[in-house]
Amino acid sequence: MMALFSAAGLSLLASGAFAQTYYVEPTSDGFLNLRSGRGTGHSIITTLYADDAVTFPEQRGNRLRVRLPDGEVGWSAEKYLYTYINLDGTV
């Protein structure tokens, strides 16, 4: 099945009942810091790499609260995450 991908801001918003899977975009630094709060002033929880998977349960402005497969939760800017959307509009 063919699929398109979309920046987090252009895709369907996930609610608490439906957490969509997103993936880390490749960055110029080669990594993405997951933080304890919204913004670079918050401490780094862990480091993510291109194509690492997270689920997205909440958005505030251009920041996403995401959950890692191990259950850890942190914040990222939405521009560093993407998802796949099927051509029929389903995710």
PDB file of N, CA and C in Angstrom:
ATOM      1  N   MET A   1       0.843  -1.174   0.000  1.00  0.00           N
ATOM      2  CA  MET A   1       0.000   0.000   0.000  1.00  0.00           C
ATOM      3  C   MET A   1       0.893   1.244   0.000  1.00  0.00           C
ATOM      4  N   MET A   2       0.576   2.210  -0.826  1.00  0.00           N
ATOM      5  CA  MET A   2       1.371   3.437  -0.881  1.00  0.00           C
ATOM      6  C   MET A   2       1.024   4.321   0.311  1.00  0.00           C
ATOM      7  N   ALA A   3       1.997   5.089   0.779  1.00  0.00           N
ATOM      8  CA  ALA A   3       1.755   5.970   1.921  1.00  0.00           C
ATOM      9  C   ALA A   3       2.494   7.280   1.720  1.00  0.00           C
ATOM     10  N   LEU A   4       1.973   8.314   2.301  1.00  0.00           N
ATOM     11  CA  LEU A   4       2.614   9.621   2.352  1.00  0.00           C
ATOM     12  C   LEU A   4       2.988   9.877   3.794  1.00  0.00           C
ATOM     13  N   PHE A   5       3.949  10.783   4.023  1.00  0.00           N
ATOM     14  CA  PHE A   5       4.170  11.159   5.409  1.00  0.00           C
ATOM     15  C   PHE A   5       3.907  12.632   5.560  1.00  0.00           C
ATOM     16  N   SER A   6       3.638  13.029   6.785  1.00  0.00           N
ATOM     17  CA  SER A   6       3.214  14.386   7.073  1.00  0.00           C
ATOM     18  C   SER A   6       3.913  14.875   8.325  1.00  0.00           C
ATOM     19  N   ALA A   7       4.228  16.171   8.354  1.00  0.00           N
ATOM     20  CA  ALA A   7       4.740  16.767   9.589  1.00  0.00           C
ATOM     21  C   ALA A   7       3.652  16.648  10.640  1.00  0.00           C
ATOM     22  N   ALA A   8       4.042  16.602  11.885  1.00  0.00           N
ATOM     23  CA  ALA A   8       3.089  16.388  12.975  1.00  0.00           C
ATOM     24  C   ALA A   8       1.959  17.406  12.948  1.00  0.00           C
ATOM     25  N   GLY A   9       2.242  18.646  12.638  1.00  0.00           N
ATOM     26  CA  GLY A   9       1.236  19.693  12.649  1.00  0.00           C
ATOM     27  C   GLY A   9       0.195  19.549  11.561  1.00  0.00           C
ATOM     28  N   LEU A  10       0.476  18.796  10.510  1.00  0.00           N
ATOM     29  CA  LEU A  10      -0.460  18.644   9.404  1.00  0.00           C
ATOM     30  C   LEU A  10      -1.271  17.373   9.481  1.00  0.00           C
ATOM     31  N   SER A  11      -0.997  16.553  10.433  1.00  0.00           N
ATOM     32  CA  SER A  11      -1.687  15.272  10.523  1.00  0.00           C
ATOM     33  C   SER A  11      -2.825  15.346  11.520  1.00  0.00           C
ATOM     34  N   LEU A  12      -3.525  14.234  11.663  1.00  0.00           N
ATOM     35  CA  LEU A  12      -4.622  14.176  12.616  1.00  0.00           C
ATOM     36  C   LEU A  12      -4.102  14.336  14.034  1.00  0.00           C
ATOM     37  N   LEU A  13      -4.794  15.138  14.821  1.00  0.00           N
ATOM     38  CA  LEU A  13      -4.401  15.282  16.217  1.00  0.00           C
ATOM     39  C   LEU A  13      -4.860  14.067  16.993  1.00  0.00           C
ATOM     40  N   ALA A  14      -4.002  13.594  17.847  1.00  0.00           N
ATOM     41  CA  ALA A  14      -4.332  12.425  18.660  1.00  0.00           C
ATOM     42  C   ALA A  14      -4.894  12.877  19.995  1.00  0.00           C
ATOM     43  N   SER A  15      -5.886  12.204  20.453  1.00  0.00           N
ATOM     44  CA  SER A  15      -6.442  12.494  21.767  1.00  0.00           C
ATOM     45  C   SER A  15      -5.893  11.485  22.757  1.00  0.00           C
ATOM     46  N   GLY A  16      -6.249  11.621  24.000  1.00  0.00           N
ATOM     47  CA  GLY A  16      -5.813  10.668  25.002  1.00  0.00           C
ATOM     48  C   GLY A  16      -6.274   9.254  24.695  1.00  0.00           C
ATOM     49  N   ALA A  17      -7.392   9.122  23.984  1.00  0.00           N
ATOM     50  CA  ALA A  17      -7.917   7.803  23.670  1.00  0.00           C
ATOM     51  C   ALA A  17      -7.240   7.191  22.446  1.00  0.00           C
ATOM     52  N   PHE A  18      -6.588   8.008  21.652  1.00  0.00           N
ATOM     53  CA  PHE A  18      -5.967   7.534  20.417  1.00  0.00           C
ATOM     54  C   PHE A  18      -4.593   8.166  20.303  1.00  0.00           C
ATOM     55  N   ALA A  19      -3.554   7.398  20.528  1.00  0.00           N
ATOM     56  CA  ALA A  19      -2.193   7.922  20.453  1.00  0.00           C
ATOM     57  C   ALA A  19      -1.554   7.425  19.163  1.00  0.00           C
ATOM     58  N   GLN A  20      -1.268   8.339  18.275  1.00  0.00           N
ATOM     59  CA  GLN A  20      -0.718   8.006  16.972  1.00  0.00           C
ATOM     60  C   GLN A  20       0.803   7.858  17.047  1.00  0.00           C
ATOM     61  N   THR A  21       1.368   6.974  16.226  1.00  0.00           N
ATOM     62  CA  THR A  21       2.816   6.776  16.193  1.00  0.00           C
ATOM     63  C   THR A  21       3.467   7.811  15.289  1.00  0.00           C
ATOM     64  N   TYR A  22       4.517   8.436  15.796  1.00  0.00           N
ATOM     65  CA  TYR A  22       5.338   9.389  15.054  1.00  0.00           C
ATOM     66  C   TYR A  22       6.781   8.907  15.080  1.00  0.00           C
ATOM     67  N   TYR A  23       7.577   9.437  14.170  1.00  0.00           N
ATOM     68  CA  TYR A  23       8.976   9.053  14.042  1.00  0.00           C
ATOM     69  C   TYR A  23       9.836  10.300  14.055  1.00  0.00           C
ATOM     70  N   VAL A  24      11.053  10.164  14.557  1.00  0.00           N
ATOM     71  CA  VAL A  24      11.981  11.294  14.648  1.00  0.00           C
ATOM     72  C   VAL A  24      12.566  11.577  13.268  1.00  0.00           C
ATOM     73  N   GLU A  25      12.502  12.848  12.864  1.00  0.00           N
ATOM     74  CA  GLU A  25      13.118  13.307  11.611  1.00  0.00           C
ATOM     75  C   GLU A  25      14.642  13.290  11.775  1.00  0.00           C
ATOM     76  N   PRO A  26      15.384  13.044  10.704  1.00  0.00           N
ATOM     77  CA  PRO A  26      16.836  13.234  10.780  1.00  0.00           C
ATOM     78  C   PRO A  26      17.125  14.715  11.071  1.00  0.00           C
ATOM     79  N   THR A  27      18.074  14.985  11.939  1.00  0.00           N
ATOM     80  CA  THR A  27      18.424  16.361  12.289  1.00  0.00           C
ATOM     81  C   THR A  27      19.886  16.629  11.930  1.00  0.00           C
ATOM     82  N   SER A  28      20.242  17.897  11.847  1.00  0.00           N
ATOM     83  CA  SER A  28      21.625  18.258  11.519  1.00  0.00           C
ATOM     84  C   SER A  28      22.591  17.817  12.616  1.00  0.00           C
ATOM     85  N   ASP A  29      22.110  17.737  13.850  1.00  0.00           N
ATOM     86  CA  ASP A  29      22.948  17.276  14.965  1.00  0.00           C
ATOM     87  C   ASP A  29      23.055  15.758  15.018  1.00  0.00           C
ATOM     88  N   GLY A  30      22.135  15.061  14.346  1.00  0.00           N
ATOM     89  CA  GLY A  30      22.127  13.604  14.371  1.00  0.00           C
ATOM     90  C   GLY A  30      21.328  13.023  15.531  1.00  0.00           C
ATOM     91  N   PHE A  31      20.688  13.874  16.332  1.00  0.00           N
ATOM     92  CA  PHE A  31      19.901  13.410  17.474  1.00  0.00           C
ATOM     93  C   PHE A  31      18.850  14.452  17.836  1.00  0.00           C
ATOM     94  N   LEU A  32      17.904  14.050  18.665  1.00  0.00           N
ATOM     95  CA  LEU A  32      16.871  14.937  19.178  1.00  0.00           C
ATOM     96  C   LEU A  32      16.792  14.737  20.682  1.00  0.00           C
ATOM     97  N   ASN A  33      16.877  15.829  21.432  1.00  0.00           N
ATOM     98  CA  ASN A  33      16.754  15.750  22.885  1.00  0.00           C
ATOM     99  C   ASN A  33      15.278  15.760  23.279  1.00  0.00           C
ATOM    100  N   LEU A  34      14.871  14.753  24.025  1.00  0.00           N
ATOM    101  CA  LEU A  34      13.529  14.721  24.598  1.00  0.00           C
ATOM    102  C   LEU A  34      13.636  15.396  25.958  1.00  0.00           C
ATOM    103  N   ARG A  35      12.776  16.370  26.213  1.00  0.00           N
ATOM    104  CA  ARG A  35      12.908  17.196  27.417  1.00  0.00           C
ATOM    105  C   ARG A  35      11.757  17.004  28.397  1.00  0.00           C
ATOM    106  N   SER A  36      12.007  17.407  29.635  1.00  0.00           N
ATOM    107  CA  SER A  36      11.025  17.245  30.707  1.00  0.00           C
ATOM    108  C   SER A  36       9.882  18.251  30.611  1.00  0.00           C
ATOM    109  N   GLY A  37      10.042  19.302  29.840  1.00  0.00           N
ATOM    110  CA  GLY A  37       9.004  20.311  29.666  1.00  0.00           C
ATOM    111  C   GLY A  37       9.097  20.921  28.284  1.00  0.00           C
ATOM    112  N   ARG A  38       8.193  21.862  28.007  1.00  0.00           N
ATOM    113  CA  ARG A  38       8.133  22.487  26.687  1.00  0.00           C
ATOM    114  C   ARG A  38       9.193  23.568  26.576  1.00  0.00           C
ATOM    115  N   GLY A  39      10.244  23.318  25.820  1.00  0.00           N
ATOM    116  CA  GLY A  39      11.277  24.317  25.584  1.00  0.00           C
ATOM    117  C   GLY A  39      12.651  23.856  26.010  1.00  0.00           C
ATOM    118  N   THR A  40      13.661  24.528  25.465  1.00  0.00           N
ATOM    119  CA  THR A  40      15.048  24.122  25.700  1.00  0.00           C
ATOM    120  C   THR A  40      15.548  24.441  27.112  1.00  0.00           C
ATOM    121  N   GLY A  41      14.788  25.182  27.877  1.00  0.00           N
ATOM    122  CA  GLY A  41      15.171  25.469  29.251  1.00  0.00           C
ATOM    123  C   GLY A  41      14.925  24.302  30.203  1.00  0.00           C
ATOM    124  N   HIS A  42      14.246  23.288  29.740  1.00  0.00           N
ATOM    125  CA  HIS A  42      13.949  22.114  30.569  1.00  0.00           C
ATOM    126  C   HIS A  42      15.037  21.049  30.401  1.00  0.00           C
ATOM    127  N   SER A  43      15.179  20.213  31.398  1.00  0.00           N
ATOM    128  CA  SER A  43      16.236  19.198  31.379  1.00  0.00           C
ATOM    129  C   SER A  43      15.985  18.137  30.310  1.00  0.00           C
ATOM    130  N   ILE A  44      17.081  17.567  29.828  1.00  0.00           N
ATOM    131  CA  ILE A  44      17.034  16.507  28.826  1.00  0.00           C
ATOM    132  C   ILE A  44      16.746  15.182  29.535  1.00  0.00           C
ATOM    133  N   ILE A  45      15.704  14.486  29.085  1.00  0.00           N
ATOM    134  CA  ILE A  45      15.340  13.184  29.652  1.00  0.00           C
ATOM    135  C   ILE A  45      16.150  12.086  28.972  1.00  0.00           C
ATOM    136  N   THR A  46      16.172  12.132  27.644  1.00  0.00           N
ATOM    137  CA  THR A  46      16.881  11.131  26.857  1.00  0.00           C
ATOM    138  C   THR A  46      17.151  11.699  25.473  1.00  0.00           C
ATOM    139  N   THR A  47      17.918  10.986  24.693  1.00  0.00           N
ATOM    140  CA  THR A  47      18.251  11.384  23.334  1.00  0.00           C
ATOM    141  C   THR A  47      17.618  10.398  22.361  1.00  0.00           C
ATOM    142  N   LEU A  48      16.971  10.935  21.326  1.00  0.00           N
ATOM    143  CA  LEU A  48      16.345  10.120  20.290  1.00  0.00           C
ATOM    144  C   LEU A  48      17.107  10.291  18.986  1.00  0.00           C
ATOM    145  N   TYR A  49      16.978   9.320  18.100  1.00  0.00           N
ATOM    146  CA  TYR A  49      17.688   9.341  16.822  1.00  0.00           C
ATOM    147  C   TYR A  49      16.705   9.158  15.674  1.00  0.00           C
ATOM    148  N   ALA A  50      17.146   9.459  14.457  1.00  0.00           N
ATOM    149  CA  ALA A  50      16.290   9.390  13.272  1.00  0.00           C
ATOM    150  C   ALA A  50      15.532   8.065  13.216  1.00  0.00           C
ATOM    151  N   ASP A  51      14.244   8.178  12.978  1.00  0.00           N
ATOM    152  CA  ASP A  51      13.317   7.057  12.826  1.00  0.00           C
ATOM    153  C   ASP A  51      12.975   6.328  14.120  1.00  0.00           C
ATOM    154  N   ASP A  52      13.433   6.823  15.282  1.00  0.00           N
ATOM    155  CA  ASP A  52      12.930   6.286  16.546  1.00  0.00           C
ATOM    156  C   ASP A  52      11.431   6.544  16.611  1.00  0.00           C
ATOM    157  N   ALA A  53      10.669   5.615  17.145  1.00  0.00           N
ATOM    158  CA  ALA A  53       9.210   5.732  17.225  1.00  0.00           C
ATOM    159  C   ALA A  53       8.774   6.248  18.587  1.00  0.00           C
ATOM    160  N   VAL A  54       7.771   7.127  18.574  1.00  0.00           N
ATOM    161  CA  VAL A  54       7.133   7.637  19.786  1.00  0.00           C
ATOM    162  C   VAL A  54       5.631   7.708  19.511  1.00  0.00           C
ATOM    163  N   THR A  55       4.824   7.737  20.563  1.00  0.00           N
ATOM    164  CA  THR A  55       3.406   8.019  20.384  1.00  0.00           C
ATOM    165  C   THR A  55       3.134   9.422  20.882  1.00  0.00           C
ATOM    166  N   PHE A  56       2.088  10.014  20.351  1.00  0.00           N
ATOM    167  CA  PHE A  56       1.805  11.425  20.578  1.00  0.00           C
ATOM    168  C   PHE A  56       0.448  11.590  21.242  1.00  0.00           C
ATOM    169  N   PRO A  57       0.411  11.727  22.573  1.00  0.00           N
ATOM    170  CA  PRO A  57      -0.875  11.860  23.237  1.00  0.00           C
ATOM    171  C   PRO A  57      -1.344  13.301  23.463  1.00  0.00           C
ATOM    172  N   GLU A  58      -0.476  14.320  23.296  1.00  0.00           N
ATOM    173  CA  GLU A  58      -0.879  15.689  23.644  1.00  0.00           C
ATOM    174  C   GLU A  58      -0.070  16.707  22.854  1.00  0.00           C
ATOM    175  N   GLN A  59      -0.722  17.818  22.476  1.00  0.00           N
ATOM    176  CA  GLN A  59      -0.039  18.920  21.800  1.00  0.00           C
ATOM    177  C   GLN A  59      -0.388  20.215  22.507  1.00  0.00           C
ATOM    178  N   ARG A  60       0.629  21.074  22.683  1.00  0.00           N
ATOM    179  CA  ARG A  60       0.448  22.432  23.207  1.00  0.00           C
ATOM    180  C   ARG A  60       1.273  23.361  22.340  1.00  0.00           C
ATOM    181  N   GLY A  61       0.589  24.141  21.523  1.00  0.00           N
ATOM    182  CA  GLY A  61       1.300  25.003  20.580  1.00  0.00           C
ATOM    183  C   GLY A  61       2.075  24.145  19.603  1.00  0.00           C
ATOM    184  N   ASN A  62       3.360  24.470  19.440  1.00  0.00           N
ATOM    185  CA  ASN A  62       4.195  23.687  18.518  1.00  0.00           C
ATOM    186  C   ASN A  62       5.009  22.610  19.241  1.00  0.00           C
ATOM    187  N   ARG A  63       4.626  22.285  20.459  1.00  0.00           N
ATOM    188  CA  ARG A  63       5.304  21.237  21.240  1.00  0.00           C
ATOM    189  C   ARG A  63       4.390  20.033  21.418  1.00  0.00           C
ATOM    190  N   LEU A  64       4.997  18.856  21.337  1.00  0.00           N
ATOM    191  CA  LEU A  64       4.260  17.615  21.520  1.00  0.00           C
ATOM    192  C   LEU A  64       4.773  16.877  22.744  1.00  0.00           C
ATOM    193  N   ARG A  65       3.842  16.413  23.573  1.00  0.00           N
ATOM    194  CA  ARG A  65       4.212  15.509  24.662  1.00  0.00           C
ATOM    195  C   ARG A  65       4.134  14.121  24.051  1.00  0.00           C
ATOM    196  N   VAL A  66       5.232  13.405  24.099  1.00  0.00           N
ATOM    197  CA  VAL A  66       5.298  12.088  23.458  1.00  0.00           C
ATOM    198  C   VAL A  66       5.665  11.013  24.470  1.00  0.00           C
ATOM    199  N   ARG A  67       5.313   9.788  24.122  1.00  0.00           N
ATOM    200  CA  ARG A  67       5.604   8.637  24.984  1.00  0.00           C
ATOM    201  C   ARG A  67       6.503   7.679  24.212  1.00  0.00           C
ATOM    202  N   LEU A  68       7.568   7.249  24.860  1.00  0.00           N
ATOM    203  CA  LEU A  68       8.479   6.272  24.267  1.00  0.00           C
ATOM    204  C   LEU A  68       7.918   4.862  24.460  1.00  0.00           C
ATOM    205  N   PRO A  69       8.409   3.896  23.701  1.00  0.00           N
ATOM    206  CA  PRO A  69       7.921   2.515  23.854  1.00  0.00           C
ATOM    207  C   PRO A  69       8.061   1.977  25.286  1.00  0.00           C
ATOM    208  N   ASP A  70       9.056   2.468  26.055  1.00  0.00           N
ATOM    209  CA  ASP A  70       9.234   1.998  27.433  1.00  0.00           C
ATOM    210  C   ASP A  70       8.337   2.732  28.430  1.00  0.00           C
ATOM    211  N   GLY A  71       7.492   3.672  27.928  1.00  0.00           N
ATOM    212  CA  GLY A  71       6.558   4.396  28.787  1.00  0.00           C
ATOM    213  C   GLY A  71       7.037   5.766  29.231  1.00  0.00           C
ATOM    214  N   GLU A  72       8.310   6.063  29.037  1.00  0.00           N
ATOM    215  CA  GLU A  72       8.840   7.374  29.422  1.00  0.00           C
ATOM    216  C   GLU A  72       8.159   8.464  28.603  1.00  0.00           C
ATOM    217  N   VAL A  73       7.882   9.621  29.245  1.00  0.00           N
ATOM    218  CA  VAL A  73       7.167  10.719  28.606  1.00  0.00           C
ATOM    219  C   VAL A  73       8.027  11.965  28.624  1.00  0.00           C
ATOM    220  N   GLY A  74       8.007  12.710  27.510  1.00  0.00           N
ATOM    221  CA  GLY A  74       8.744  13.963  27.429  1.00  0.00           C
ATOM    222  C   GLY A  74       8.184  14.837  26.325  1.00  0.00           C
ATOM    223  N   TRP A  75       8.859  15.956  26.075  1.00  0.00           N
ATOM    224  CA  TRP A  75       8.387  16.955  25.113  1.00  0.00           C
ATOM    225  C   TRP A  75       9.381  17.151  23.975  1.00  0.00           C
ATOM    226  N   SER A  76       8.827  17.417  22.788  1.00  0.00           N
ATOM    227  CA  SER A  76       9.625  17.705  21.599  1.00  0.00           C
ATOM    228  C   SER A  76       8.919  18.766  20.774  1.00  0.00           C
ATOM    229  N   ALA A  77       9.693  19.523  19.990  1.00  0.00           N
ATOM    230  CA  ALA A  77       9.093  20.421  19.009  1.00  0.00           C
ATOM    231  C   ALA A  77       8.499  19.569  17.893  1.00  0.00           C
ATOM    232  N   GLU A  78       7.306  19.932  17.409  1.00  0.00           N
ATOM    233  CA  GLU A  78       6.628  19.117  16.389  1.00  0.00           C
ATOM    234  C   GLU A  78       7.401  19.039  15.081  1.00  0.00           C
ATOM    235  N   LYS A  79       8.218  20.018  14.766  1.00  0.00           N
ATOM    236  CA  LYS A  79       8.919  20.018  13.476  1.00  0.00           C
ATOM    237  C   LYS A  79       9.928  18.879  13.349  1.00  0.00           C
ATOM    238  N   TYR A  80      10.265  18.218  14.444  1.00  0.00           N
ATOM    239  CA  TYR A  80      11.222  17.114  14.413  1.00  0.00           C
ATOM    240  C   TYR A  80      10.569  15.739  14.329  1.00  0.00           C
ATOM    241  N   LEU A  81       9.252  15.703  14.191  1.00  0.00           N
ATOM    242  CA  LEU A  81       8.530  14.434  14.160  1.00  0.00           C
ATOM    243  C   LEU A  81       7.673  14.340  12.901  1.00  0.00           C
ATOM    244  N   TYR A  82       7.488  13.132  12.403  1.00  0.00           N
ATOM    245  CA  TYR A  82       6.626  12.921  11.239  1.00  0.00           C
ATOM    246  C   TYR A  82       5.850  11.624  11.412  1.00  0.00           C
ATOM    247  N   THR A  83       4.828  11.457  10.605  1.00  0.00           N
ATOM    248  CA  THR A  83       4.041  10.232  10.600  1.00  0.00           C
ATOM    249  C   THR A  83       3.709   9.875   9.164  1.00  0.00           C
ATOM    250  N   TYR A  84       3.293   8.645   8.954  1.00  0.00           N
ATOM    251  CA  TYR A  84       2.842   8.188   7.641  1.00  0.00           C
ATOM    252  C   TYR A  84       1.333   8.263   7.576  1.00  0.00           C
ATOM    253  N   ILE A  85       0.833   8.735   6.456  1.00  0.00           N
ATOM    254  CA  ILE A  85      -0.605   8.750   6.207  1.00  0.00           C
ATOM    255  C   ILE A  85      -0.848   8.016   4.901  1.00  0.00           C
ATOM    256  N   ASN A  86      -1.725   7.029   4.930  1.00  0.00           N
ATOM    257  CA  ASN A  86      -2.065   6.289   3.713  1.00  0.00           C
ATOM    258  C   ASN A  86      -2.799   7.186   2.731  1.00  0.00           C
ATOM    259  N   LEU A  87      -2.715   6.875   1.480  1.00  0.00           N
ATOM    260  CA  LEU A  87      -3.366   7.679   0.456  1.00  0.00           C
ATOM    261  C   LEU A  87      -4.866   7.768   0.626  1.00  0.00           C
ATOM    262  N   ASP A  88      -5.468   6.818   1.342  1.00  0.00           N
ATOM    263  CA  ASP A  88      -6.907   6.897   1.599  1.00  0.00           C
ATOM    264  C   ASP A  88      -7.231   7.755   2.816  1.00  0.00           C
ATOM    265  N   GLY A  89      -6.186   8.382   3.406  1.00  0.00           N
ATOM    266  CA  GLY A  89      -6.396   9.285   4.537  1.00  0.00           C
ATOM    267  C   GLY A  89      -6.276   8.627   5.890  1.00  0.00           C
ATOM    268  N   THR A  90      -6.150   7.313   5.943  1.00  0.00           N
ATOM    269  CA  THR A  90      -5.995   6.636   7.229  1.00  0.00           C
ATOM    270  C   THR A  90      -4.531   6.672   7.650  1.00  0.00           C
ATOM    271  N   VAL A  91      -4.316   6.519   8.945  1.00  0.00           N
ATOM    272  CA  VAL A  91      -2.938   6.520   9.462  1.00  0.00           C
ATOM    273  C   VAL A  91      -2.518   5.138   9.871  1.00  0.00           C
TER     274      VAL A  91
END
